[in-house]
Amino acid sequence: MAALTINSKIKLPSGYEIPQLGYGLYQTPPEDTEKVSKLALEAGYTHFDSAAFYDNEDGAGRAIRTGTKLPREQIFFTSKVPPGSVSYDGAKATIDQTLAKSELGYVDLMLLHAPYGGSANRKGAWRALVEAVEAGKVRSIGVSNYGVQHLDELERHIAELEAERGGPGKGGVLSAGQWEIHPWCARRDITDWCAARGVAVQAYTPLVRGKRWGDPALKKLADKYNKSEAQVLIRWSLQKGFIPLPKSVTPDRIRSNADVYDFALTPEEVAGLETDGYAPVAGWDPTVAPLEA
């Protein structure tokens, strides 16, 4: 395995590459988004995770357009269809709104934010994503907060769309999924499902919202490597092969969250930090929703 750097990327099933470290924009105030995104660019981030629900796509877009000399193709921008818009018409409208707000020309990765709306609407929303790829509006597509039951259903929907739309590839390619993942919510059932299919795993809330600061195993590693507990958690996620999406609006933390490439956990430390627990902290967990919720 090649040494991890801030320029490390993961090849997606779509054929495009995604930077392995992302900058999360959840709950970033719209009026602050451009400023903090420019700070992130200065710190070396080239991957920005937004969503229609966050109401900050325009600020992220301005930062990407004006805050770096890097060409557009070297910046990765993610957005998401909000839970209340998971339908064919809702997803199609959201994509066009995202393009208009961000002014980036295309979206690198578009996700369905949650598996709500029922089976027919999930299938319709996925078809809208597929059509957006075909139209050049979106490069890669995926889902967020899907449980294994929803992922299995999506595979069936892809097969159905291939049959309905004219053959292999016409059902779309699932490239990535996003979930709350950290050592206290490892979601092995979902990550194993993705690993078996080459689907990239993005980890939001990788810092557990600070609720595990002082955990003995975590603090021991932070002390050993002279790093913050946040940096250890980001490094754990990277070494697990995930794409962590740490978020902060504090300049020093934005920089320190990207300063994780001068140390490495041992395989035993990566395994030892992970627990068998299920303790999400995000306040919702759509992965457990029944198919018809």
C-alpha atoms as a PDB file:
ATOM      1  CA  MET A   1       0.000   0.000   0.000  1.00  0.00           C
ATOM      2  CA  ALA A   2       1.390   3.395  -1.000  1.00  0.00           C
ATOM      3  CA  ALA A   3       2.100   5.875   1.760  1.00  0.00           C
ATOM      4  CA  LEU A   4      -0.837   8.162   2.463  1.00  0.00           C
ATOM      5  CA  THR A   5      -0.457  11.847   1.608  1.00  0.00           C
ATOM      6  CA  ILE A   6      -2.839  14.769   1.407  1.00  0.00           C
ATOM      7  CA  ASN A   7      -2.904  14.092  -2.339  1.00  0.00           C
ATOM      8  CA  SER A   8      -4.001  10.453  -1.935  1.00  0.00           C
ATOM      9  CA  LYS A   9      -7.003   9.495  -4.034  1.00  0.00           C
ATOM     10  CA  ILE A  10      -9.326   6.523  -4.390  1.00  0.00           C
ATOM     11  CA  LYS A  11     -10.477   5.237  -7.769  1.00  0.00           C
ATOM     12  CA  LEU A  12     -14.265   5.108  -7.958  1.00  0.00           C
ATOM     13  CA  PRO A  13     -16.252   2.510  -9.929  1.00  0.00           C
ATOM     14  CA  SER A  14     -17.232   5.357 -12.284  1.00  0.00           C
ATOM     15  CA  GLY A  15     -13.570   5.671 -13.286  1.00  0.00           C
ATOM     16  CA  TYR A  16     -13.045   9.036 -11.597  1.00  0.00           C
ATOM     17  CA  GLU A  17     -10.819   9.594  -8.581  1.00  0.00           C
ATOM     18  CA  ILE A  18     -11.869  11.088  -5.241  1.00  0.00           C
ATOM     19  CA  PRO A  19      -9.418  12.720  -2.802  1.00  0.00           C
ATOM     20  CA  GLN A  20      -9.322  10.559   0.303  1.00  0.00           C
ATOM     21  CA  LEU A  21      -9.527  13.453   2.762  1.00  0.00           C
ATOM     22  CA  GLY A  22     -12.602  15.647   2.493  1.00  0.00           C
ATOM     23  CA  TYR A  23     -13.721  18.880   4.109  1.00  0.00           C
ATOM     24  CA  GLY A  24     -17.230  18.606   5.529  1.00  0.00           C
ATOM     25  CA  LEU A  25     -19.660  21.521   5.305  1.00  0.00           C
ATOM     26  CA  TYR A  26     -22.526  20.207   7.424  1.00  0.00           C
ATOM     27  CA  GLN A  27     -24.010  23.041   9.550  1.00  0.00           C
ATOM     28  CA  THR A  28     -21.487  25.528   8.190  1.00  0.00           C
ATOM     29  CA  PRO A  29     -23.393  28.841   8.081  1.00  0.00           C
ATOM     30  CA  PRO A  30     -23.950  29.990   4.491  1.00  0.00           C
ATOM     31  CA  GLU A  31     -22.380  33.370   5.246  1.00  0.00           C
ATOM     32  CA  ASP A  32     -19.163  31.663   6.446  1.00  0.00           C
ATOM     33  CA  THR A  33     -18.863  28.925   3.854  1.00  0.00           C
ATOM     34  CA  GLU A  34     -16.796  30.774   1.264  1.00  0.00           C
ATOM     35  CA  LYS A  35     -14.299  31.999   3.855  1.00  0.00           C
ATOM     36  CA  VAL A  36     -13.732  28.667   5.592  1.00  0.00           C
ATOM     37  CA  SER A  37     -13.647  26.756   2.294  1.00  0.00           C
ATOM     38  CA  LYS A  38     -10.863  29.050   1.116  1.00  0.00           C
ATOM     39  CA  LEU A  39      -8.992  28.332   4.350  1.00  0.00           C
ATOM     40  CA  ALA A  40      -9.438  24.627   3.634  1.00  0.00           C
ATOM     41  CA  LEU A  41      -8.046  25.076   0.131  1.00  0.00           C
ATOM     42  CA  GLU A  42      -5.025  26.845   1.608  1.00  0.00           C
ATOM     43  CA  ALA A  43      -4.559  23.920   4.008  1.00  0.00           C
ATOM     44  CA  GLY A  44      -4.462  21.470   1.096  1.00  0.00           C
ATOM     45  CA  TYR A  45      -8.006  20.094   0.939  1.00  0.00           C
ATOM     46  CA  THR A  46      -9.279  19.503  -2.591  1.00  0.00           C
ATOM     47  CA  HIS A  47     -12.515  17.696  -1.690  1.00  0.00           C
ATOM     48  CA  PHE A  48     -15.605  19.524  -0.413  1.00  0.00           C
ATOM     49  CA  ASP A  49     -18.729  17.815   0.902  1.00  0.00           C
ATOM     50  CA  SER A  50     -21.895  19.903   0.706  1.00  0.00           C
ATOM     51  CA  ALA A  51     -25.615  19.181   0.264  1.00  0.00           C
ATOM     52  CA  ALA A  52     -28.734  20.970  -0.860  1.00  0.00           C
ATOM     53  CA  PHE A  53     -29.995  20.609   2.721  1.00  0.00           C
ATOM     54  CA  TYR A  54     -26.944  22.504   4.060  1.00  0.00           C
ATOM     55  CA  ASP A  55     -27.849  25.627   2.053  1.00  0.00           C
ATOM     56  CA  ASN A  56     -24.182  26.427   1.417  1.00  0.00           C
ATOM     57  CA  GLU A  57     -23.507  25.124  -2.089  1.00  0.00           C
ATOM     58  CA  ASP A  58     -23.148  28.660  -3.428  1.00  0.00           C
ATOM     59  CA  GLY A  59     -20.437  29.618  -0.929  1.00  0.00           C
ATOM     60  CA  ALA A  60     -18.530  26.411  -1.581  1.00  0.00           C
ATOM     61  CA  GLY A  61     -18.779  27.036  -5.300  1.00  0.00           C
ATOM     62  CA  ARG A  62     -17.442  30.570  -4.989  1.00  0.00           C
ATOM     63  CA  ALA A  63     -14.492  29.357  -2.945  1.00  0.00           C
ATOM     64  CA  ILE A  64     -13.660  26.661  -5.475  1.00  0.00           C
ATOM     65  CA  ARG A  65     -13.946  29.107  -8.368  1.00  0.00           C
ATOM     66  CA  THR A  66     -11.967  31.962  -6.806  1.00  0.00           C
ATOM     67  CA  GLY A  67      -9.931  30.568  -3.898  1.00  0.00           C
ATOM     68  CA  THR A  68      -7.370  28.476  -5.730  1.00  0.00           C
ATOM     69  CA  LYS A  69      -5.279  28.424  -8.878  1.00  0.00           C
ATOM     70  CA  LEU A  70      -5.971  24.727  -9.285  1.00  0.00           C
ATOM     71  CA  PRO A  71      -8.102  23.874 -12.323  1.00  0.00           C
ATOM     72  CA  ARG A  72     -11.686  22.800 -11.717  1.00  0.00           C
ATOM     73  CA  GLU A  73     -10.813  19.200 -12.575  1.00  0.00           C
ATOM     74  CA  GLN A  74      -8.503  18.992  -9.555  1.00  0.00           C
ATOM     75  CA  ILE A  75     -11.217  19.961  -7.062  1.00  0.00           C
ATOM     76  CA  PHE A  76     -13.855  17.432  -6.013  1.00  0.00           C
ATOM     77  CA  PHE A  77     -17.331  18.717  -5.102  1.00  0.00           C
ATOM     78  CA  THR A  78     -20.066  16.564  -3.577  1.00  0.00           C
ATOM     79  CA  SER A  79     -23.704  17.459  -3.030  1.00  0.00           C
ATOM     80  CA  LYS A  80     -26.825  15.540  -2.067  1.00  0.00           C
ATOM     81  CA  VAL A  81     -30.496  15.315  -2.933  1.00  0.00           C
ATOM     82  CA  PRO A  82     -32.334  16.172   0.318  1.00  0.00           C
ATOM     83  CA  PRO A  83     -34.469  13.537   2.066  1.00  0.00           C
ATOM     84  CA  GLY A  84     -37.701  15.299   1.143  1.00  0.00           C
ATOM     85  CA  SER A  85     -36.811  15.342  -2.546  1.00  0.00           C
ATOM     86  CA  VAL A  86     -36.103  11.641  -3.059  1.00  0.00           C
ATOM     87  CA  SER A  87     -38.177  11.115  -6.191  1.00  0.00           C
ATOM     88  CA  TYR A  88     -37.533  11.381  -9.902  1.00  0.00           C
ATOM     89  CA  ASP A  89     -38.761  14.954 -10.216  1.00  0.00           C
ATOM     90  CA  GLY A  90     -37.268  16.014  -6.884  1.00  0.00           C
ATOM     91  CA  ALA A  91     -33.806  14.657  -7.658  1.00  0.00           C
ATOM     92  CA  LYS A  92     -33.830  16.085 -11.177  1.00  0.00           C
ATOM     93  CA  ALA A  93     -34.757  19.549  -9.868  1.00  0.00           C
ATOM     94  CA  THR A  94     -32.179  19.385  -7.080  1.00  0.00           C
ATOM     95  CA  ILE A  95     -29.360  18.607  -9.490  1.00  0.00           C
ATOM     96  CA  ASP A  96     -30.227  21.613 -11.644  1.00  0.00           C
ATOM     97  CA  GLN A  97     -30.475  23.827  -8.554  1.00  0.00           C
ATOM     98  CA  THR A  98     -27.101  22.622  -7.307  1.00  0.00           C
ATOM     99  CA  LEU A  99     -25.494  23.406 -10.646  1.00  0.00           C
ATOM    100  CA  ALA A 100     -27.063  26.871 -10.673  1.00  0.00           C
ATOM    101  CA  LYS A 101     -26.013  27.663  -7.106  1.00  0.00           C
ATOM    102  CA  SER A 102     -22.480  26.294  -7.235  1.00  0.00           C
ATOM    103  CA  GLU A 103     -21.717  27.492 -10.784  1.00  0.00           C
ATOM    104  CA  LEU A 104     -19.125  24.737 -11.060  1.00  0.00           C
ATOM    105  CA  GLY A 105     -20.249  23.317 -14.405  1.00  0.00           C
ATOM    106  CA  TYR A 106     -20.729  19.801 -13.078  1.00  0.00           C
ATOM    107  CA  VAL A 107     -21.013  17.955  -9.769  1.00  0.00           C
ATOM    108  CA  ASP A 108     -18.280  15.404  -9.073  1.00  0.00           C
ATOM    109  CA  LEU A 109     -20.455  13.246  -6.830  1.00  0.00           C
ATOM    110  CA  MET A 110     -24.203  13.443  -6.246  1.00  0.00           C
ATOM    111  CA  LEU A 111     -25.734  11.370  -3.466  1.00  0.00           C
ATOM    112  CA  LEU A 112     -29.248  10.576  -2.332  1.00  0.00           C
ATOM    113  CA  HIS A 113     -29.099  11.961   1.215  1.00  0.00           C
ATOM    114  CA  ALA A 114     -31.344   9.367   2.870  1.00  0.00           C
ATOM    115  CA  PRO A 115     -33.375   6.273   1.894  1.00  0.00           C
ATOM    116  CA  TYR A 116     -36.759   7.876   2.424  1.00  0.00           C
ATOM    117  CA  GLY A 117     -39.799   8.152   0.177  1.00  0.00           C
ATOM    118  CA  GLY A 118     -40.530   4.497  -0.483  1.00  0.00           C
ATOM    119  CA  SER A 119     -39.186   2.062  -3.038  1.00  0.00           C
ATOM    120  CA  ALA A 120     -40.696   3.613  -6.180  1.00  0.00           C
ATOM    121  CA  ASN A 121     -39.414   7.079  -5.297  1.00  0.00           C
ATOM    122  CA  ARG A 122     -35.932   5.787  -4.465  1.00  0.00           C
ATOM    123  CA  LYS A 123     -35.821   4.082  -7.851  1.00  0.00           C
ATOM    124  CA  GLY A 124     -37.033   7.237  -9.571  1.00  0.00           C
ATOM    125  CA  ALA A 125     -34.478   9.395  -7.781  1.00  0.00           C
ATOM    126  CA  TRP A 126     -31.701   7.000  -8.756  1.00  0.00           C
ATOM    127  CA  ARG A 127     -32.862   7.126 -12.384  1.00  0.00           C
ATOM    128  CA  ALA A 128     -32.616  10.919 -12.244  1.00  0.00           C
ATOM    129  CA  LEU A 129     -29.007  10.593 -11.061  1.00  0.00           C
ATOM    130  CA  VAL A 130     -28.250   8.156 -13.884  1.00  0.00           C
ATOM    131  CA  GLU A 131     -29.713  10.543 -16.446  1.00  0.00           C
ATOM    132  CA  ALA A 132     -27.683  13.415 -14.967  1.00  0.00           C
ATOM    133  CA  VAL A 133     -24.495  11.407 -15.518  1.00  0.00           C
ATOM    134  CA  GLU A 134     -25.527  10.718 -19.101  1.00  0.00           C
ATOM    135  CA  ALA A 135     -26.187  14.440 -19.599  1.00  0.00           C
ATOM    136  CA  GLY A 136     -22.754  15.428 -18.273  1.00  0.00           C
ATOM    137  CA  LYS A 137     -24.194  17.240 -15.249  1.00  0.00           C
ATOM    138  CA  VAL A 138     -22.771  14.767 -12.725  1.00  0.00           C
ATOM    139  CA  ARG A 139     -19.708  12.536 -12.911  1.00  0.00           C
ATOM    140  CA  SER A 140     -20.315   9.952 -10.176  1.00  0.00           C
ATOM    141  CA  ILE A 141     -23.351   8.973  -8.136  1.00  0.00           C
ATOM    142  CA  GLY A 142     -24.068   7.278  -4.853  1.00  0.00           C
ATOM    143  CA  VAL A 143     -26.143   7.180  -1.701  1.00  0.00           C
ATOM    144  CA  SER A 144     -25.986   8.283   1.910  1.00  0.00           C
ATOM    145  CA  ASN A 145     -27.361   6.670   5.064  1.00  0.00           C
ATOM    146  CA  TYR A 146     -28.588   3.552   3.232  1.00  0.00           C
ATOM    147  CA  GLY A 147     -28.806   0.361   5.265  1.00  0.00           C
ATOM    148  CA  VAL A 148     -27.936  -3.006   3.740  1.00  0.00           C
ATOM    149  CA  GLN A 149     -31.622  -3.551   3.005  1.00  0.00           C
ATOM    150  CA  HIS A 150     -31.678  -0.321   0.990  1.00  0.00           C
ATOM    151  CA  LEU A 151     -28.414  -1.202  -0.778  1.00  0.00           C
ATOM    152  CA  ASP A 152     -29.755  -4.617  -1.753  1.00  0.00           C
ATOM    153  CA  GLU A 153     -32.881  -2.924  -3.093  1.00  0.00           C
ATOM    154  CA  LEU A 154     -30.733  -0.464  -5.056  1.00  0.00           C
ATOM    155  CA  GLU A 155     -28.972  -3.360  -6.757  1.00  0.00           C
ATOM    156  CA  ARG A 156     -32.379  -4.665  -7.804  1.00  0.00           C
ATOM    157  CA  HIS A 157     -33.351  -1.207  -9.059  1.00  0.00           C
ATOM    158  CA  ILE A 158     -30.150  -0.964 -11.106  1.00  0.00           C
ATOM    159  CA  ALA A 159     -30.880  -4.350 -12.704  1.00  0.00           C
ATOM    160  CA  GLU A 160     -34.467  -3.290 -13.432  1.00  0.00           C
ATOM    161  CA  LEU A 161     -33.326  -0.023 -15.006  1.00  0.00           C
ATOM    162  CA  GLU A 162     -30.839  -1.873 -17.180  1.00  0.00           C
ATOM    163  CA  ALA A 163     -33.654  -4.040 -18.468  1.00  0.00           C
ATOM    164  CA  GLU A 164     -35.989  -1.086 -18.930  1.00  0.00           C
ATOM    165  CA  ARG A 165     -33.461   1.310 -20.448  1.00  0.00           C
ATOM    166  CA  GLY A 166     -31.545  -0.903 -22.818  1.00  0.00           C
ATOM    167  CA  GLY A 167     -28.819  -2.982 -21.275  1.00  0.00           C
ATOM    168  CA  PRO A 168     -25.678  -3.034 -19.114  1.00  0.00           C
ATOM    169  CA  GLY A 169     -24.645   0.332 -17.720  1.00  0.00           C
ATOM    170  CA  LYS A 170     -28.055   1.882 -18.256  1.00  0.00           C
ATOM    171  CA  GLY A 171     -28.937   1.364 -14.606  1.00  0.00           C
ATOM    172  CA  GLY A 172     -26.085   3.502 -13.374  1.00  0.00           C
ATOM    173  CA  VAL A 173     -22.954   2.771 -11.358  1.00  0.00           C
ATOM    174  CA  LEU A 174     -22.944   3.005  -7.568  1.00  0.00           C
ATOM    175  CA  SER A 175     -19.620   4.673  -6.848  1.00  0.00           C
ATOM    176  CA  ALA A 176     -19.767   5.814  -3.228  1.00  0.00           C
ATOM    177  CA  GLY A 177     -21.781   5.816  -0.050  1.00  0.00           C
ATOM    178  CA  GLN A 178     -21.659   8.055   2.992  1.00  0.00           C
ATOM    179  CA  TRP A 179     -22.366   7.099   6.593  1.00  0.00           C
ATOM    180  CA  GLU A 180     -21.548   8.074  10.155  1.00  0.00           C
ATOM    181  CA  ILE A 181     -18.514   5.892  10.779  1.00  0.00           C
ATOM    182  CA  HIS A 182     -15.959   5.972  13.579  1.00  0.00           C
ATOM    183  CA  PRO A 183     -14.536   3.411  16.053  1.00  0.00           C
ATOM    184  CA  TRP A 184     -17.764   3.447  18.098  1.00  0.00           C
ATOM    185  CA  CYS A 185     -20.001   2.989  15.054  1.00  0.00           C
ATOM    186  CA  ALA A 186     -17.971   0.937  12.592  1.00  0.00           C
ATOM    187  CA  ARG A 187     -20.931  -0.395  10.545  1.00  0.00           C
ATOM    188  CA  ARG A 188     -19.128  -3.533   9.422  1.00  0.00           C
ATOM    189  CA  ASP A 189     -22.215  -4.904   7.684  1.00  0.00           C
ATOM    190  CA  ILE A 190     -22.340  -1.857   5.412  1.00  0.00           C
ATOM    191  CA  THR A 191     -18.589  -1.501   4.886  1.00  0.00           C
ATOM    192  CA  ASP A 192     -18.298  -5.211   4.050  1.00  0.00           C
ATOM    193  CA  TRP A 193     -21.133  -4.833   1.518  1.00  0.00           C
ATOM    194  CA  CYS A 194     -19.316  -1.921  -0.097  1.00  0.00           C
ATOM    195  CA  ALA A 195     -15.905  -3.601  -0.047  1.00  0.00           C
ATOM    196  CA  ALA A 196     -17.303  -6.622  -1.874  1.00  0.00           C
ATOM    197  CA  ARG A 197     -18.452  -4.327  -4.686  1.00  0.00           C
ATOM    198  CA  GLY A 198     -15.648  -1.757  -4.759  1.00  0.00           C
ATOM    199  CA  VAL A 199     -17.911   1.030  -3.515  1.00  0.00           C
ATOM    200  CA  ALA A 200     -16.020   3.852  -1.791  1.00  0.00           C
ATOM    201  CA  VAL A 201     -17.011   4.557   1.831  1.00  0.00           C
ATOM    202  CA  GLN A 202     -17.180   8.140   3.055  1.00  0.00           C
ATOM    203  CA  ALA A 203     -17.185   8.675   6.823  1.00  0.00           C
ATOM    204  CA  TYR A 204     -19.027  11.646   8.227  1.00  0.00           C
ATOM    205  CA  THR A 205     -18.791  12.600  11.905  1.00  0.00           C
ATOM    206  CA  PRO A 206     -15.334  10.975  12.018  1.00  0.00           C
ATOM    207  CA  LEU A 207     -14.486  13.001  15.139  1.00  0.00           C
ATOM    208  CA  VAL A 208     -17.589  11.770  17.020  1.00  0.00           C
ATOM    209  CA  ARG A 209     -18.434  15.444  17.708  1.00  0.00           C
ATOM    210  CA  GLY A 210     -15.812  15.433  20.438  1.00  0.00           C
ATOM    211  CA  LYS A 211     -17.859  13.082  22.601  1.00  0.00           C
ATOM    212  CA  ARG A 212     -15.022  10.558  22.958  1.00  0.00           C
ATOM    213  CA  TRP A 213     -12.243  12.922  23.977  1.00  0.00           C
ATOM    214  CA  GLY A 214     -10.427  11.314  26.885  1.00  0.00           C
ATOM    215  CA  ASP A 215     -11.285   7.754  25.862  1.00  0.00           C
ATOM    216  CA  PRO A 216      -8.342   5.754  27.269  1.00  0.00           C
ATOM    217  CA  ALA A 217      -7.459   3.921  24.059  1.00  0.00           C
ATOM    218  CA  LEU A 218      -7.731   7.084  21.984  1.00  0.00           C
ATOM    219  CA  LYS A 219      -5.785   9.234  24.438  1.00  0.00           C
ATOM    220  CA  LYS A 220      -3.030   6.620  24.661  1.00  0.00           C
ATOM    221  CA  LEU A 221      -2.464   6.811  20.918  1.00  0.00           C
ATOM    222  CA  ALA A 222      -2.613  10.614  20.880  1.00  0.00           C
ATOM    223  CA  ASP A 223       0.022  10.741  23.600  1.00  0.00           C
ATOM    224  CA  LYS A 224       2.199   8.133  21.873  1.00  0.00           C
ATOM    225  CA  TYR A 225       2.290  10.017  18.570  1.00  0.00           C
ATOM    226  CA  ASN A 226       2.144  13.544  20.029  1.00  0.00           C
ATOM    227  CA  LYS A 227      -1.015  14.190  18.036  1.00  0.00           C
ATOM    228  CA  SER A 228      -4.497  15.379  18.938  1.00  0.00           C
ATOM    229  CA  GLU A 229      -7.240  12.840  19.464  1.00  0.00           C
ATOM    230  CA  ALA A 230      -8.954  14.311  16.396  1.00  0.00           C
ATOM    231  CA  GLN A 231      -5.875  13.632  14.282  1.00  0.00           C
ATOM    232  CA  VAL A 232      -5.728  10.035  15.511  1.00  0.00           C
ATOM    233  CA  LEU A 233      -9.367   9.484  14.550  1.00  0.00           C
ATOM    234  CA  ILE A 234      -8.834  10.931  11.076  1.00  0.00           C
ATOM    235  CA  ARG A 235      -5.758   8.760  10.640  1.00  0.00           C
ATOM    236  CA  TRP A 236      -7.747   5.690  11.770  1.00  0.00           C
ATOM    237  CA  SER A 237     -10.376   6.417   9.127  1.00  0.00           C
ATOM    238  CA  LEU A 238      -7.789   6.907   6.393  1.00  0.00           C
ATOM    239  CA  GLN A 239      -5.991   3.685   7.262  1.00  0.00           C
ATOM    240  CA  LYS A 240      -9.286   1.800   7.232  1.00  0.00           C
ATOM    241  CA  GLY A 241      -9.562   2.880   3.601  1.00  0.00           C
ATOM    242  CA  PHE A 242     -12.435   5.273   4.284  1.00  0.00           C
ATOM    243  CA  ILE A 243     -12.833   8.870   3.123  1.00  0.00           C
ATOM    244  CA  PRO A 244     -13.188  10.931   6.309  1.00  0.00           C
ATOM    245  CA  LEU A 245     -15.064  14.240   6.168  1.00  0.00           C
ATOM    246  CA  PRO A 246     -13.963  16.239   9.224  1.00  0.00           C
ATOM    247  CA  LYS A 247     -15.629  19.607   9.653  1.00  0.00           C
ATOM    248  CA  SER A 248     -14.584  22.747  11.488  1.00  0.00           C
ATOM    249  CA  VAL A 249     -14.859  26.495  10.994  1.00  0.00           C
ATOM    250  CA  THR A 250     -11.841  27.167  13.250  1.00  0.00           C
ATOM    251  CA  PRO A 251      -8.728  27.950  11.180  1.00  0.00           C
ATOM    252  CA  ASP A 252      -6.296  26.063  13.425  1.00  0.00           C
ATOM    253  CA  ARG A 253      -8.500  22.965  13.443  1.00  0.00           C
ATOM    254  CA  ILE A 254      -9.035  23.094   9.691  1.00  0.00           C
ATOM    255  CA  ARG A 255      -5.260  22.975   9.313  1.00  0.00           C
ATOM    256  CA  SER A 256      -4.599  20.399  12.029  1.00  0.00           C
ATOM    257  CA  ASN A 257      -7.254  18.035  10.652  1.00  0.00           C
ATOM    258  CA  ALA A 258      -5.199  17.874   7.455  1.00  0.00           C
ATOM    259  CA  ASP A 259      -1.908  17.405   9.322  1.00  0.00           C
ATOM    260  CA  VAL A 260      -2.185  13.646   9.648  1.00  0.00           C
ATOM    261  CA  TYR A 261       0.475  12.364   7.276  1.00  0.00           C
ATOM    262  CA  ASP A 262       3.592  12.396   9.455  1.00  0.00           C
ATOM    263  CA  PHE A 263       2.618   9.377  11.558  1.00  0.00           C
ATOM    264  CA  ALA A 264       0.911   6.022  11.069  1.00  0.00           C
ATOM    265  CA  LEU A 265      -0.964   3.710  13.378  1.00  0.00           C
ATOM    266  CA  THR A 266       0.109   0.083  13.454  1.00  0.00           C
ATOM    267  CA  PRO A 267      -2.380  -2.496  12.160  1.00  0.00           C
ATOM    268  CA  GLU A 268      -2.849  -3.616  15.762  1.00  0.00           C
ATOM    269  CA  GLU A 269      -3.659  -0.053  16.839  1.00  0.00           C
ATOM    270  CA  VAL A 270      -6.180   0.388  14.028  1.00  0.00           C
ATOM    271  CA  ALA A 271      -7.904  -2.840  15.055  1.00  0.00           C
ATOM    272  CA  GLY A 272      -7.648  -2.093  18.766  1.00  0.00           C
ATOM    273  CA  LEU A 273      -9.279   1.322  18.526  1.00  0.00           C
ATOM    274  CA  GLU A 274     -12.335  -0.098  16.769  1.00  0.00           C
ATOM    275  CA  THR A 275     -15.125  -1.325  19.022  1.00  0.00           C
ATOM    276  CA  ASP A 276     -18.059  -3.669  18.547  1.00  0.00           C
ATOM    277  CA  GLY A 277     -20.410  -0.970  19.786  1.00  0.00           C
ATOM    278  CA  TYR A 278     -23.164   0.849  17.985  1.00  0.00           C
ATOM    279  CA  ALA A 279     -23.159   4.415  19.265  1.00  0.00           C
ATOM    280  CA  PRO A 280     -24.040   6.932  16.531  1.00  0.00           C
ATOM    281  CA  VAL A 281     -24.011  10.573  17.605  1.00  0.00           C
ATOM    282  CA  ALA A 282     -25.489  12.317  14.561  1.00  0.00           C
ATOM    283  CA  GLY A 283     -29.022  12.394  15.947  1.00  0.00           C
ATOM    284  CA  TRP A 284     -30.534  10.270  13.183  1.00  0.00           C
ATOM    285  CA  ASP A 285     -29.797   6.926  11.612  1.00  0.00           C
ATOM    286  CA  PRO A 286     -31.812   6.253   8.452  1.00  0.00           C
ATOM    287  CA  THR A 287     -29.882   3.007   7.886  1.00  0.00           C
ATOM    288  CA  VAL A 288     -32.358   1.245  10.182  1.00  0.00           C
ATOM    289  CA  ALA A 289     -35.450   2.571   8.396  1.00  0.00           C
ATOM    290  CA  PRO A 290     -37.707  -0.112   6.853  1.00  0.00           C
ATOM    291  CA  LEU A 291     -37.956  -0.159   3.083  1.00  0.00           C
ATOM    292  CA  GLU A 292     -41.370   1.431   3.009  1.00  0.00           C
ATOM    293  CA  ALA A 293     -40.709   4.110   5.664  1.00  0.00           C
END
